[in-house]
Amino acid sequence: MDIRAVVSGFRNVEPLPGPADAWHWSPAPGIDFAGALSADGRRLLQLSARNSYDQELAVATLEFAREHEEDIFAGHPHLGTAGGFAAPGGRRFDVVAGVGPQVHGFYRVENPDLTPHVRLTFPAHSCEFSGDETLEEAVSRYRMLKMNNFDREPLPFLKMRYTNTRTRGRSGNPGRGLTEPKRLLEELRLLEGGEGSFVEFENRHGKVWRVEWHGAWFIAEWETPDGRPREIGGDDLLLFAQSRLTCRCSGHGPGDSLLHWPESCPRRPSPRHQPLATTYGPCGPNGRGSLAHQPGKGELEHGRACRRAQGAGGGDPAGSLRADG
């Protein structure tokens, strides 16, 4: 397909200042598109913005995408990223994301022959992607991120499932489903008073934590052989959860609780200078790792062996989080 000829027929198209074989077009006020020919001339690398277009950022993104297209899509044809991006104008974007045609579906109505030759590229944040998204998850994530907003804040990658015995709310997924951090924080707060309720959440690195309510909040790292449950205060729990989704070291001070600091933060204080949280054995009677104060009131398993012994649920989620009840 002759990409140049196709793009030249777009409404209000004009050359994009800077890179060769690059264009800008705006079919309506507040809606802007920019695109550039791939390095091999076989594809259109395209981005769009709604009421937030910044030409300098668009040019930087397309130039980076053209140079790193192979890295972006290597092993991830539906949704991939390449790091090392330095966004102009003091913006915090640190990667360029690429979206494949099976996810974005651009031009499938007006010019379906063009669709397979188009890859969307957007400035993004590294904390928003796991690098292992399935096709279904890539479609959900693409819709969630609203990447056509150049002024957006980061939306960290998060999977979650939960059951609340007090509110009767629960997730309807067979496993953990994609959701937004504000939903996680809401459900963690709602655990209070719901005996046996739980929230299980996973960050972009595949690390999983499980929180249960048994007269207090208890948390343990999930699916690890040495995960130990501990009691944790409500405020510390919310800070802990947020820090596991993204690392923002600035703003932490030496007087902060250790739970406030992401583990990857180079300025994180040593645990020996912090009070130890209440801990319980890694696997309770019969290897069942109970967090309840009385037998039979719910359990938080520890490690793969404990999970197998109890037949715990889990599995891979399919798309975004669904709520029942």
C-alpha atoms as a PDB file:
ATOM      1  CA  MET A   1       0.000   0.000   0.000  1.00  0.00           C
ATOM      2  CA  ASP A   2       1.180   3.515  -0.847  1.00  0.00           C
ATOM      3  CA  ILE A   3       0.925   5.109   2.617  1.00  0.00           C
ATOM      4  CA  ARG A   4       1.978   8.524   1.371  1.00  0.00           C
ATOM      5  CA  ALA A   5      -0.800   8.594  -1.204  1.00  0.00           C
ATOM      6  CA  VAL A   6      -3.410   7.485   1.320  1.00  0.00           C
ATOM      7  CA  VAL A   7      -2.432  10.061   3.943  1.00  0.00           C
ATOM      8  CA  SER A   8      -2.302  12.861   1.366  1.00  0.00           C
ATOM      9  CA  GLY A   9      -6.015  12.312   0.873  1.00  0.00           C
ATOM     10  CA  PHE A  10      -6.896  12.909   4.525  1.00  0.00           C
ATOM     11  CA  ARG A  11      -8.953  16.000   5.325  1.00  0.00           C
ATOM     12  CA  ASN A  12      -6.919  19.105   6.291  1.00  0.00           C
ATOM     13  CA  VAL A  13      -3.630  17.222   6.062  1.00  0.00           C
ATOM     14  CA  GLU A  14      -0.354  19.147   6.081  1.00  0.00           C
ATOM     15  CA  PRO A  15       3.330  18.301   6.556  1.00  0.00           C
ATOM     16  CA  LEU A  16       4.425  17.936  10.154  1.00  0.00           C
ATOM     17  CA  PRO A  17       7.371  20.279  10.774  1.00  0.00           C
ATOM     18  CA  GLY A  18      10.579  18.399  11.493  1.00  0.00           C
ATOM     19  CA  PRO A  19      10.716  14.745  10.502  1.00  0.00           C
ATOM     20  CA  ALA A  20      10.524  13.600   6.891  1.00  0.00           C
ATOM     21  CA  ASP A  21       7.409  11.784   5.680  1.00  0.00           C
ATOM     22  CA  ALA A  22       5.313  13.004   8.594  1.00  0.00           C
ATOM     23  CA  TRP A  23       1.932  14.714   8.615  1.00  0.00           C
ATOM     24  CA  HIS A  24      -0.621  16.478  10.778  1.00  0.00           C
ATOM     25  CA  TRP A  25      -4.361  16.592  10.155  1.00  0.00           C
ATOM     26  CA  SER A  26      -7.330  17.848  12.132  1.00  0.00           C
ATOM     27  CA  PRO A  27     -10.774  16.706  10.962  1.00  0.00           C
ATOM     28  CA  ALA A  28     -12.547  18.802  13.615  1.00  0.00           C
ATOM     29  CA  PRO A  29     -11.676  21.474  16.196  1.00  0.00           C
ATOM     30  CA  GLY A  30      -9.897  19.953  19.187  1.00  0.00           C
ATOM     31  CA  ILE A  31      -9.187  16.655  17.425  1.00  0.00           C
ATOM     32  CA  ASP A  32      -5.652  16.326  16.102  1.00  0.00           C
ATOM     33  CA  PHE A  33      -3.828  13.501  14.384  1.00  0.00           C
ATOM     34  CA  ALA A  34      -0.158  13.171  13.519  1.00  0.00           C
ATOM     35  CA  GLY A  35       1.558  10.364  11.687  1.00  0.00           C
ATOM     36  CA  ALA A  36       4.893   9.348  10.244  1.00  0.00           C
ATOM     37  CA  LEU A  37       5.999   6.711   7.810  1.00  0.00           C
ATOM     38  CA  SER A  38       7.835   3.813   9.451  1.00  0.00           C
ATOM     39  CA  ALA A  39      11.551   3.466   8.781  1.00  0.00           C
ATOM     40  CA  ASP A  40      10.924   0.775   6.157  1.00  0.00           C
ATOM     41  CA  GLY A  41       8.082   2.768   4.581  1.00  0.00           C
ATOM     42  CA  ARG A  42       5.526  -0.032   5.082  1.00  0.00           C
ATOM     43  CA  ARG A  43       3.431   1.310   7.954  1.00  0.00           C
ATOM     44  CA  LEU A  44       1.856   4.487   9.282  1.00  0.00           C
ATOM     45  CA  LEU A  45       2.862   5.303  12.844  1.00  0.00           C
ATOM     46  CA  GLN A  46       0.027   7.446  14.133  1.00  0.00           C
ATOM     47  CA  LEU A  47      -1.042   9.283  17.259  1.00  0.00           C
ATOM     48  CA  SER A  48      -4.002  11.448  18.153  1.00  0.00           C
ATOM     49  CA  ALA A  49      -4.958  13.989  20.782  1.00  0.00           C
ATOM     50  CA  ARG A  50      -8.271  15.395  21.981  1.00  0.00           C
ATOM     51  CA  ASN A  51      -8.134  18.979  23.278  1.00  0.00           C
ATOM     52  CA  SER A  52      -4.525  18.471  24.352  1.00  0.00           C
ATOM     53  CA  TYR A  53      -2.379  18.411  21.201  1.00  0.00           C
ATOM     54  CA  ASP A  54       1.234  19.477  21.640  1.00  0.00           C
ATOM     55  CA  GLN A  55       3.235  19.542  18.402  1.00  0.00           C
ATOM     56  CA  GLU A  56       6.602  19.270  20.147  1.00  0.00           C
ATOM     57  CA  LEU A  57       5.479  16.172  22.042  1.00  0.00           C
ATOM     58  CA  ALA A  58       3.908  14.674  18.914  1.00  0.00           C
ATOM     59  CA  VAL A  59       7.119  15.091  16.922  1.00  0.00           C
ATOM     60  CA  ALA A  60       9.269  13.657  19.725  1.00  0.00           C
ATOM     61  CA  THR A  61       6.951  10.664  20.088  1.00  0.00           C
ATOM     62  CA  LEU A  62       6.830   9.857  16.383  1.00  0.00           C
ATOM     63  CA  GLU A  63      10.583  10.231  15.942  1.00  0.00           C
ATOM     64  CA  PHE A  64      11.205   7.925  18.896  1.00  0.00           C
ATOM     65  CA  ALA A  65       8.628   5.418  17.623  1.00  0.00           C
ATOM     66  CA  ARG A  66      10.188   5.371  14.153  1.00  0.00           C
ATOM     67  CA  GLU A  67      13.638   4.712  15.620  1.00  0.00           C
ATOM     68  CA  HIS A  68      12.487   2.128  18.180  1.00  0.00           C
ATOM     69  CA  GLU A  69       9.523   0.476  16.461  1.00  0.00           C
ATOM     70  CA  GLU A  70      11.125  -2.957  16.551  1.00  0.00           C
ATOM     71  CA  ASP A  71      11.818  -2.655  20.285  1.00  0.00           C
ATOM     72  CA  ILE A  72       8.264  -1.508  21.001  1.00  0.00           C
ATOM     73  CA  PHE A  73       6.612  -4.461  19.298  1.00  0.00           C
ATOM     74  CA  ALA A  74       9.231  -7.183  19.829  1.00  0.00           C
ATOM     75  CA  GLY A  75       7.293 -10.039  21.407  1.00  0.00           C
ATOM     76  CA  HIS A  76       4.299  -7.786  22.022  1.00  0.00           C
ATOM     77  CA  PRO A  77       2.474  -7.210  18.710  1.00  0.00           C
ATOM     78  CA  HIS A  78      -0.715  -5.974  20.391  1.00  0.00           C
ATOM     79  CA  LEU A  79       0.598  -3.580  23.052  1.00  0.00           C
ATOM     80  CA  GLY A  80       4.259  -2.850  23.722  1.00  0.00           C
ATOM     81  CA  THR A  81       6.592  -0.144  24.969  1.00  0.00           C
ATOM     82  CA  ALA A  82      10.146   1.092  24.608  1.00  0.00           C
ATOM     83  CA  GLY A  83      11.878   2.915  27.441  1.00  0.00           C
ATOM     84  CA  GLY A  84      14.391   5.720  27.387  1.00  0.00           C
ATOM     85  CA  PHE A  85      11.955   8.310  26.064  1.00  0.00           C
ATOM     86  CA  ALA A  86      12.594  11.873  27.251  1.00  0.00           C
ATOM     87  CA  ALA A  87       9.408  13.882  26.823  1.00  0.00           C
ATOM     88  CA  PRO A  88       9.879  17.575  26.050  1.00  0.00           C
ATOM     89  CA  GLY A  89       8.428  20.424  28.057  1.00  0.00           C
ATOM     90  CA  GLY A  90       9.015  18.882  31.461  1.00  0.00           C
ATOM     91  CA  ARG A  91       6.367  16.187  30.952  1.00  0.00           C
ATOM     92  CA  ARG A  92       6.779  12.949  32.911  1.00  0.00           C
ATOM     93  CA  PHE A  93       6.213  10.413  30.108  1.00  0.00           C
ATOM     94  CA  ASP A  94       9.131   7.954  30.121  1.00  0.00           C
ATOM     95  CA  VAL A  95       8.159   5.400  27.445  1.00  0.00           C
ATOM     96  CA  VAL A  96       6.496   5.309  24.052  1.00  0.00           C
ATOM     97  CA  ALA A  97       3.702   2.771  23.753  1.00  0.00           C
ATOM     98  CA  GLY A  98       2.664   1.023  20.560  1.00  0.00           C
ATOM     99  CA  VAL A  99      -0.809  -0.370  19.828  1.00  0.00           C
ATOM    100  CA  GLY A 100      -1.351  -2.968  17.102  1.00  0.00           C
ATOM    101  CA  PRO A 101      -4.239  -3.025  14.602  1.00  0.00           C
ATOM    102  CA  GLN A 102      -6.038  -5.910  16.338  1.00  0.00           C
ATOM    103  CA  VAL A 103      -6.421  -3.636  19.346  1.00  0.00           C
ATOM    104  CA  HIS A 104      -7.081  -0.180  17.903  1.00  0.00           C
ATOM    105  CA  GLY A 105      -9.182  -1.029  14.816  1.00  0.00           C
ATOM    106  CA  PHE A 106      -8.581   2.391  13.214  1.00  0.00           C
ATOM    107  CA  TYR A 107     -10.059   2.881   9.709  1.00  0.00           C
ATOM    108  CA  ARG A 108     -11.914  -0.456   9.824  1.00  0.00           C
ATOM    109  CA  VAL A 109     -15.042   1.266   8.446  1.00  0.00           C
ATOM    110  CA  GLU A 110     -13.841   3.995   6.089  1.00  0.00           C
ATOM    111  CA  ASN A 111     -10.690   2.260   4.823  1.00  0.00           C
ATOM    112  CA  PRO A 112     -10.332  -1.322   6.137  1.00  0.00           C
ATOM    113  CA  ASP A 113      -7.399  -2.042   3.810  1.00  0.00           C
ATOM    114  CA  LEU A 114      -5.398   0.583   5.693  1.00  0.00           C
ATOM    115  CA  THR A 115      -6.040  -0.810   9.199  1.00  0.00           C
ATOM    116  CA  PRO A 116      -3.376  -3.571   9.195  1.00  0.00           C
ATOM    117  CA  HIS A 117      -0.768  -1.020   8.092  1.00  0.00           C
ATOM    118  CA  VAL A 118      -1.386   1.341  11.039  1.00  0.00           C
ATOM    119  CA  ARG A 119       0.320   1.217  14.400  1.00  0.00           C
ATOM    120  CA  LEU A 120      -0.688   3.729  17.044  1.00  0.00           C
ATOM    121  CA  THR A 121       2.064   5.275  19.146  1.00  0.00           C
ATOM    122  CA  PHE A 122       1.612   7.377  22.263  1.00  0.00           C
ATOM    123  CA  PRO A 123       3.714   8.883  25.041  1.00  0.00           C
ATOM    124  CA  ALA A 124       3.110   6.863  28.199  1.00  0.00           C
ATOM    125  CA  HIS A 125       4.365   5.904  31.647  1.00  0.00           C
ATOM    126  CA  SER A 126       6.308   2.707  32.325  1.00  0.00           C
ATOM    127  CA  CYS A 127       4.172   1.909  35.382  1.00  0.00           C
ATOM    128  CA  GLU A 128       1.117   1.479  33.120  1.00  0.00           C
ATOM    129  CA  PHE A 129       2.184  -1.786  31.458  1.00  0.00           C
ATOM    130  CA  SER A 130       3.180  -5.275  32.540  1.00  0.00           C
ATOM    131  CA  GLY A 131       4.676  -6.338  29.206  1.00  0.00           C
ATOM    132  CA  ASP A 132       2.665  -9.570  29.322  1.00  0.00           C
ATOM    133  CA  GLU A 133      -0.806  -8.332  28.342  1.00  0.00           C
ATOM    134  CA  THR A 134      -2.947 -10.785  26.397  1.00  0.00           C
ATOM    135  CA  LEU A 135      -4.882  -9.509  23.394  1.00  0.00           C
ATOM    136  CA  GLU A 136      -8.018  -9.129  25.506  1.00  0.00           C
ATOM    137  CA  GLU A 137      -6.130  -7.328  28.239  1.00  0.00           C
ATOM    138  CA  ALA A 138      -4.449  -5.087  25.656  1.00  0.00           C
ATOM    139  CA  VAL A 139      -7.871  -4.017  24.350  1.00  0.00           C
ATOM    140  CA  SER A 140      -9.066  -3.273  27.898  1.00  0.00           C
ATOM    141  CA  ARG A 141      -5.889  -1.383  28.754  1.00  0.00           C
ATOM    142  CA  TYR A 142      -6.024   0.663  25.546  1.00  0.00           C
ATOM    143  CA  ARG A 143      -9.548   1.791  26.427  1.00  0.00           C
ATOM    144  CA  MET A 144      -8.670   2.525  30.043  1.00  0.00           C
ATOM    145  CA  LEU A 145      -5.587   4.641  29.434  1.00  0.00           C
ATOM    146  CA  LYS A 146      -7.152   7.338  27.222  1.00  0.00           C
ATOM    147  CA  MET A 147      -3.806   7.828  25.515  1.00  0.00           C
ATOM    148  CA  ASN A 148      -5.215  10.617  23.322  1.00  0.00           C
ATOM    149  CA  ASN A 149      -5.013  12.910  26.347  1.00  0.00           C
ATOM    150  CA  PHE A 150      -1.524  14.400  26.322  1.00  0.00           C
ATOM    151  CA  ASP A 151      -2.202  15.989  29.731  1.00  0.00           C
ATOM    152  CA  ARG A 152      -3.207  12.804  31.543  1.00  0.00           C
ATOM    153  CA  GLU A 153      -1.762  11.550  34.808  1.00  0.00           C
ATOM    154  CA  PRO A 154      -0.245   8.049  35.100  1.00  0.00           C
ATOM    155  CA  LEU A 155      -2.708   5.174  35.527  1.00  0.00           C
ATOM    156  CA  PRO A 156      -0.609   2.346  37.006  1.00  0.00           C
ATOM    157  CA  PHE A 157      -1.167  -1.225  35.872  1.00  0.00           C
ATOM    158  CA  LEU A 158      -3.296  -3.129  38.387  1.00  0.00           C
ATOM    159  CA  LYS A 159      -5.214  -6.393  38.578  1.00  0.00           C
ATOM    160  CA  MET A 160      -7.556  -7.129  41.457  1.00  0.00           C
ATOM    161  CA  ARG A 161     -10.200  -9.453  42.816  1.00  0.00           C
ATOM    162  CA  TYR A 162     -12.191  -9.122  46.027  1.00  0.00           C
ATOM    163  CA  THR A 163     -15.083 -10.341  48.155  1.00  0.00           C
ATOM    164  CA  ASN A 164     -16.706  -8.224  50.867  1.00  0.00           C
ATOM    165  CA  THR A 165     -18.949 -10.000  53.372  1.00  0.00           C
ATOM    166  CA  ARG A 166     -20.329  -6.717  54.706  1.00  0.00           C
ATOM    167  CA  THR A 167     -21.245  -4.910  51.473  1.00  0.00           C
ATOM    168  CA  ARG A 168     -21.944  -8.183  49.612  1.00  0.00           C
ATOM    169  CA  GLY A 169     -19.817  -6.871  46.768  1.00  0.00           C
ATOM    170  CA  ARG A 170     -17.482  -9.170  44.879  1.00  0.00           C
ATOM    171  CA  SER A 171     -15.580  -9.352  41.611  1.00  0.00           C
ATOM    172  CA  GLY A 172     -17.133 -11.506  38.915  1.00  0.00           C
ATOM    173  CA  ASN A 173     -13.888 -12.512  37.235  1.00  0.00           C
ATOM    174  CA  PRO A 174     -12.526 -16.052  37.377  1.00  0.00           C
ATOM    175  CA  GLY A 175      -9.229 -14.432  38.428  1.00  0.00           C
ATOM    176  CA  ARG A 176      -7.800 -10.973  38.939  1.00  0.00           C
ATOM    177  CA  GLY A 177      -9.123  -8.382  36.487  1.00  0.00           C
ATOM    178  CA  LEU A 178      -7.757  -5.032  35.313  1.00  0.00           C
ATOM    179  CA  THR A 179      -8.984  -2.014  37.236  1.00  0.00           C
ATOM    180  CA  GLU A 180      -7.945   1.462  38.409  1.00  0.00           C
ATOM    181  CA  PRO A 181      -6.019   2.234  41.611  1.00  0.00           C
ATOM    182  CA  LYS A 182      -8.892   4.289  43.027  1.00  0.00           C
ATOM    183  CA  ARG A 183     -11.044   1.156  42.955  1.00  0.00           C
ATOM    184  CA  LEU A 184      -8.406  -0.767  44.897  1.00  0.00           C
ATOM    185  CA  LEU A 185      -8.193   1.930  47.573  1.00  0.00           C
ATOM    186  CA  GLU A 186     -11.974   2.048  47.855  1.00  0.00           C
ATOM    187  CA  GLU A 187     -12.276  -1.709  48.361  1.00  0.00           C
ATOM    188  CA  LEU A 188      -9.424  -1.748  50.894  1.00  0.00           C
ATOM    189  CA  ARG A 189     -11.274   0.859  52.961  1.00  0.00           C
ATOM    190  CA  LEU A 190     -14.524  -1.083  52.708  1.00  0.00           C
ATOM    191  CA  LEU A 191     -12.899  -4.195  54.208  1.00  0.00           C
ATOM    192  CA  GLU A 192     -13.263  -2.683  57.673  1.00  0.00           C
ATOM    193  CA  GLY A 193     -15.937  -4.524  59.623  1.00  0.00           C
ATOM    194  CA  GLY A 194     -16.384  -7.267  57.026  1.00  0.00           C
ATOM    195  CA  GLU A 195     -15.153 -10.395  58.800  1.00  0.00           C
ATOM    196  CA  GLY A 196     -13.430 -12.723  56.335  1.00  0.00           C
ATOM    197  CA  SER A 197     -13.491 -10.196  53.489  1.00  0.00           C
ATOM    198  CA  PHE A 198     -10.456 -10.006  51.230  1.00  0.00           C
ATOM    199  CA  VAL A 199      -8.828  -7.969  48.489  1.00  0.00           C
ATOM    200  CA  GLU A 200      -6.119  -9.473  46.300  1.00  0.00           C
ATOM    201  CA  PHE A 201      -4.088  -7.154  44.038  1.00  0.00           C
ATOM    202  CA  GLU A 202      -1.274  -7.565  41.523  1.00  0.00           C
ATOM    203  CA  ASN A 203       1.149  -4.965  40.196  1.00  0.00           C
ATOM    204  CA  ARG A 204       2.870  -4.765  36.818  1.00  0.00           C
ATOM    205  CA  HIS A 205       5.764  -6.941  37.974  1.00  0.00           C
ATOM    206  CA  GLY A 206       3.386  -9.812  38.726  1.00  0.00           C
ATOM    207  CA  LYS A 207       3.744  -9.428  42.501  1.00  0.00           C
ATOM    208  CA  VAL A 208       0.545 -10.185  44.398  1.00  0.00           C
ATOM    209  CA  TRP A 209      -0.638  -9.156  47.854  1.00  0.00           C
ATOM    210  CA  ARG A 210      -3.708 -10.333  49.745  1.00  0.00           C
ATOM    211  CA  VAL A 211      -5.441  -8.303  52.445  1.00  0.00           C
ATOM    212  CA  GLU A 212      -8.073  -9.714  54.799  1.00  0.00           C
ATOM    213  CA  TRP A 213     -10.159  -8.275  57.620  1.00  0.00           C
ATOM    214  CA  HIS A 214     -10.235 -10.157  60.926  1.00  0.00           C
ATOM    215  CA  GLY A 215     -10.949  -7.389  63.421  1.00  0.00           C
ATOM    216  CA  ALA A 216      -8.078  -5.502  61.753  1.00  0.00           C
ATOM    217  CA  TRP A 217      -6.355  -5.395  58.377  1.00  0.00           C
ATOM    218  CA  PHE A 218      -3.849  -8.174  57.709  1.00  0.00           C
ATOM    219  CA  ILE A 219      -1.623  -8.331  54.641  1.00  0.00           C
ATOM    220  CA  ALA A 220       0.772 -10.858  53.139  1.00  0.00           C
ATOM    221  CA  GLU A 221       2.690 -11.202  49.917  1.00  0.00           C
ATOM    222  CA  TRP A 222       0.933 -13.872  47.867  1.00  0.00           C
ATOM    223  CA  GLU A 223       2.369 -16.794  45.907  1.00  0.00           C
ATOM    224  CA  THR A 224       5.770 -16.681  47.597  1.00  0.00           C
ATOM    225  CA  PRO A 225       7.232 -19.335  49.921  1.00  0.00           C
ATOM    226  CA  ASP A 226       8.313 -16.817  52.572  1.00  0.00           C
ATOM    227  CA  GLY A 227       5.308 -14.465  52.624  1.00  0.00           C
ATOM    228  CA  ARG A 228       4.351 -13.700  56.230  1.00  0.00           C
ATOM    229  CA  PRO A 229       1.053 -12.051  57.171  1.00  0.00           C
ATOM    230  CA  ARG A 230       1.151  -8.983  59.367  1.00  0.00           C
ATOM    231  CA  GLU A 231      -1.291  -6.608  60.905  1.00  0.00           C
ATOM    232  CA  ILE A 232      -1.270  -3.173  59.319  1.00  0.00           C
ATOM    233  CA  GLY A 233      -3.080   0.092  60.021  1.00  0.00           C
ATOM    234  CA  GLY A 234      -5.591   1.461  57.543  1.00  0.00           C
ATOM    235  CA  ASP A 235      -3.566   4.525  56.529  1.00  0.00           C
ATOM    236  CA  ASP A 236      -0.365   2.523  56.169  1.00  0.00           C
ATOM    237  CA  LEU A 237      -2.238  -0.061  54.099  1.00  0.00           C
ATOM    238  CA  LEU A 238      -3.385   2.551  51.588  1.00  0.00           C
ATOM    239  CA  LEU A 239       0.111   4.003  51.309  1.00  0.00           C
ATOM    240  CA  PHE A 240       1.612   0.523  50.974  1.00  0.00           C
ATOM    241  CA  ALA A 241      -0.783  -0.380  48.145  1.00  0.00           C
ATOM    242  CA  GLN A 242      -0.098   2.829  46.250  1.00  0.00           C
ATOM    243  CA  SER A 243       3.677   2.437  46.598  1.00  0.00           C
ATOM    244  CA  ARG A 244       3.526  -1.072  45.124  1.00  0.00           C
ATOM    245  CA  LEU A 245       1.946   0.245  41.947  1.00  0.00           C
ATOM    246  CA  THR A 246       4.450   2.987  41.202  1.00  0.00           C
ATOM    247  CA  CYS A 247       7.673   4.341  42.716  1.00  0.00           C
ATOM    248  CA  ARG A 248       7.761   8.023  43.532  1.00  0.00           C
ATOM    249  CA  CYS A 249      10.651   8.479  45.869  1.00  0.00           C
ATOM    250  CA  SER A 250      10.458  12.268  46.067  1.00  0.00           C
ATOM    251  CA  GLY A 251       8.410  13.453  48.992  1.00  0.00           C
ATOM    252  CA  HIS A 252       9.423  10.654  51.387  1.00  0.00           C
ATOM    253  CA  GLY A 253      11.371  11.575  54.481  1.00  0.00           C
ATOM    254  CA  PRO A 254      13.442   9.685  57.038  1.00  0.00           C
ATOM    255  CA  GLY A 255      10.608   9.908  59.574  1.00  0.00           C
ATOM    256  CA  ASP A 256       8.103   8.102  57.384  1.00  0.00           C
ATOM    257  CA  SER A 257       6.988   4.571  58.170  1.00  0.00           C
ATOM    258  CA  LEU A 258       8.877   1.935  56.190  1.00  0.00           C
ATOM    259  CA  LEU A 259       5.560   0.937  54.623  1.00  0.00           C
ATOM    260  CA  HIS A 260       5.427   4.333  52.902  1.00  0.00           C
ATOM    261  CA  TRP A 261       8.521   3.566  50.842  1.00  0.00           C
ATOM    262  CA  PRO A 262       8.522   1.503  47.630  1.00  0.00           C
ATOM    263  CA  GLU A 263      11.007  -1.380  47.914  1.00  0.00           C
ATOM    264  CA  SER A 264      12.800  -0.229  44.756  1.00  0.00           C
ATOM    265  CA  CYS A 265      13.379   3.288  46.067  1.00  0.00           C
ATOM    266  CA  PRO A 266      17.143   3.856  46.562  1.00  0.00           C
ATOM    267  CA  ARG A 267      16.428   6.190  49.500  1.00  0.00           C
ATOM    268  CA  ARG A 268      14.325   3.597  51.375  1.00  0.00           C
ATOM    269  CA  PRO A 269      15.549   3.335  55.000  1.00  0.00           C
ATOM    270  CA  SER A 270      16.852   0.087  56.458  1.00  0.00           C
ATOM    271  CA  PRO A 271      14.221  -2.124  58.121  1.00  0.00           C
ATOM    272  CA  ARG A 272      16.348  -2.376  61.284  1.00  0.00           C
ATOM    273  CA  HIS A 273      15.518   1.269  62.044  1.00  0.00           C
ATOM    274  CA  GLN A 274      11.769   0.641  61.841  1.00  0.00           C
ATOM    275  CA  PRO A 275       9.424  -1.046  64.331  1.00  0.00           C
ATOM    276  CA  LEU A 276       8.470  -4.558  63.272  1.00  0.00           C
ATOM    277  CA  ALA A 277       4.849  -5.219  62.377  1.00  0.00           C
ATOM    278  CA  THR A 278       2.970  -8.032  64.079  1.00  0.00           C
ATOM    279  CA  THR A 279       3.848 -11.287  62.328  1.00  0.00           C
ATOM    280  CA  TYR A 280       2.415 -14.782  62.288  1.00  0.00           C
ATOM    281  CA  GLY A 281       3.877 -18.088  61.182  1.00  0.00           C
ATOM    282  CA  PRO A 282       4.272 -18.559  57.411  1.00  0.00           C
ATOM    283  CA  CYS A 283       2.089 -21.649  57.487  1.00  0.00           C
ATOM    284  CA  GLY A 284      -0.209 -22.306  60.433  1.00  0.00           C
ATOM    285  CA  PRO A 285      -1.562 -25.685  61.595  1.00  0.00           C
ATOM    286  CA  ASN A 286      -1.649 -28.197  58.746  1.00  0.00           C
ATOM    287  CA  GLY A 287       0.158 -25.651  56.557  1.00  0.00           C
ATOM    288  CA  ARG A 288      -2.894 -23.426  56.305  1.00  0.00           C
ATOM    289  CA  GLY A 289      -1.478 -20.069  57.452  1.00  0.00           C
ATOM    290  CA  SER A 290      -4.529 -18.704  59.290  1.00  0.00           C
ATOM    291  CA  LEU A 291      -4.737 -14.980  60.000  1.00  0.00           C
ATOM    292  CA  ALA A 292      -7.969 -15.259  61.938  1.00  0.00           C
ATOM    293  CA  HIS A 293      -7.935 -14.855  65.709  1.00  0.00           C
ATOM    294  CA  GLN A 294     -10.177 -17.895  66.018  1.00  0.00           C
ATOM    295  CA  PRO A 295      -9.973 -21.137  64.016  1.00  0.00           C
ATOM    296  CA  GLY A 296     -12.173 -21.355  60.963  1.00  0.00           C
ATOM    297  CA  LYS A 297     -12.628 -17.616  60.432  1.00  0.00           C
ATOM    298  CA  GLY A 298     -10.829 -17.300  57.112  1.00  0.00           C
ATOM    299  CA  GLU A 299      -7.295 -17.853  56.086  1.00  0.00           C
ATOM    300  CA  LEU A 300      -4.474 -16.159  54.244  1.00  0.00           C
ATOM    301  CA  GLU A 301      -2.322 -18.786  52.557  1.00  0.00           C
ATOM    302  CA  HIS A 302       1.425 -18.477  52.120  1.00  0.00           C
ATOM    303  CA  GLY A 303       3.378 -19.715  49.172  1.00  0.00           C
ATOM    304  CA  ARG A 304       2.506 -21.919  46.304  1.00  0.00           C
ATOM    305  CA  ALA A 305       2.526 -25.072  48.464  1.00  0.00           C
ATOM    306  CA  CYS A 306      -0.080 -23.619  50.812  1.00  0.00           C
ATOM    307  CA  ARG A 307      -2.191 -22.431  47.893  1.00  0.00           C
ATOM    308  CA  ARG A 308      -2.137 -25.896  46.328  1.00  0.00           C
ATOM    309  CA  ALA A 309      -3.034 -27.520  49.665  1.00  0.00           C
ATOM    310  CA  GLN A 310      -6.137 -25.377  50.016  1.00  0.00           C
ATOM    311  CA  GLY A 311      -7.158 -25.388  46.355  1.00  0.00           C
ATOM    312  CA  ALA A 312      -7.214 -21.591  46.313  1.00  0.00           C
ATOM    313  CA  GLY A 313      -8.779 -19.827  43.377  1.00  0.00           C
ATOM    314  CA  GLY A 314      -6.893 -17.573  41.018  1.00  0.00           C
ATOM    315  CA  GLY A 315      -5.846 -18.032  37.448  1.00  0.00           C
ATOM    316  CA  ASP A 316      -5.429 -15.514  34.738  1.00  0.00           C
ATOM    317  CA  PRO A 317      -8.041 -12.795  34.419  1.00  0.00           C
ATOM    318  CA  ALA A 318      -9.883 -12.064  31.225  1.00  0.00           C
ATOM    319  CA  GLY A 319      -9.977  -8.341  30.539  1.00  0.00           C
ATOM    320  CA  SER A 320     -11.102  -5.716  33.019  1.00  0.00           C
ATOM    321  CA  LEU A 321     -12.538  -6.214  36.483  1.00  0.00           C
ATOM    322  CA  ARG A 322     -16.231  -7.070  36.761  1.00  0.00           C
ATOM    323  CA  ALA A 323     -18.195  -6.536  39.972  1.00  0.00           C
ATOM    324  CA  ASP A 324     -21.109  -8.634  41.160  1.00  0.00           C
ATOM    325  CA  GLY A 325     -23.530  -7.531  43.817  1.00  0.00           C
END
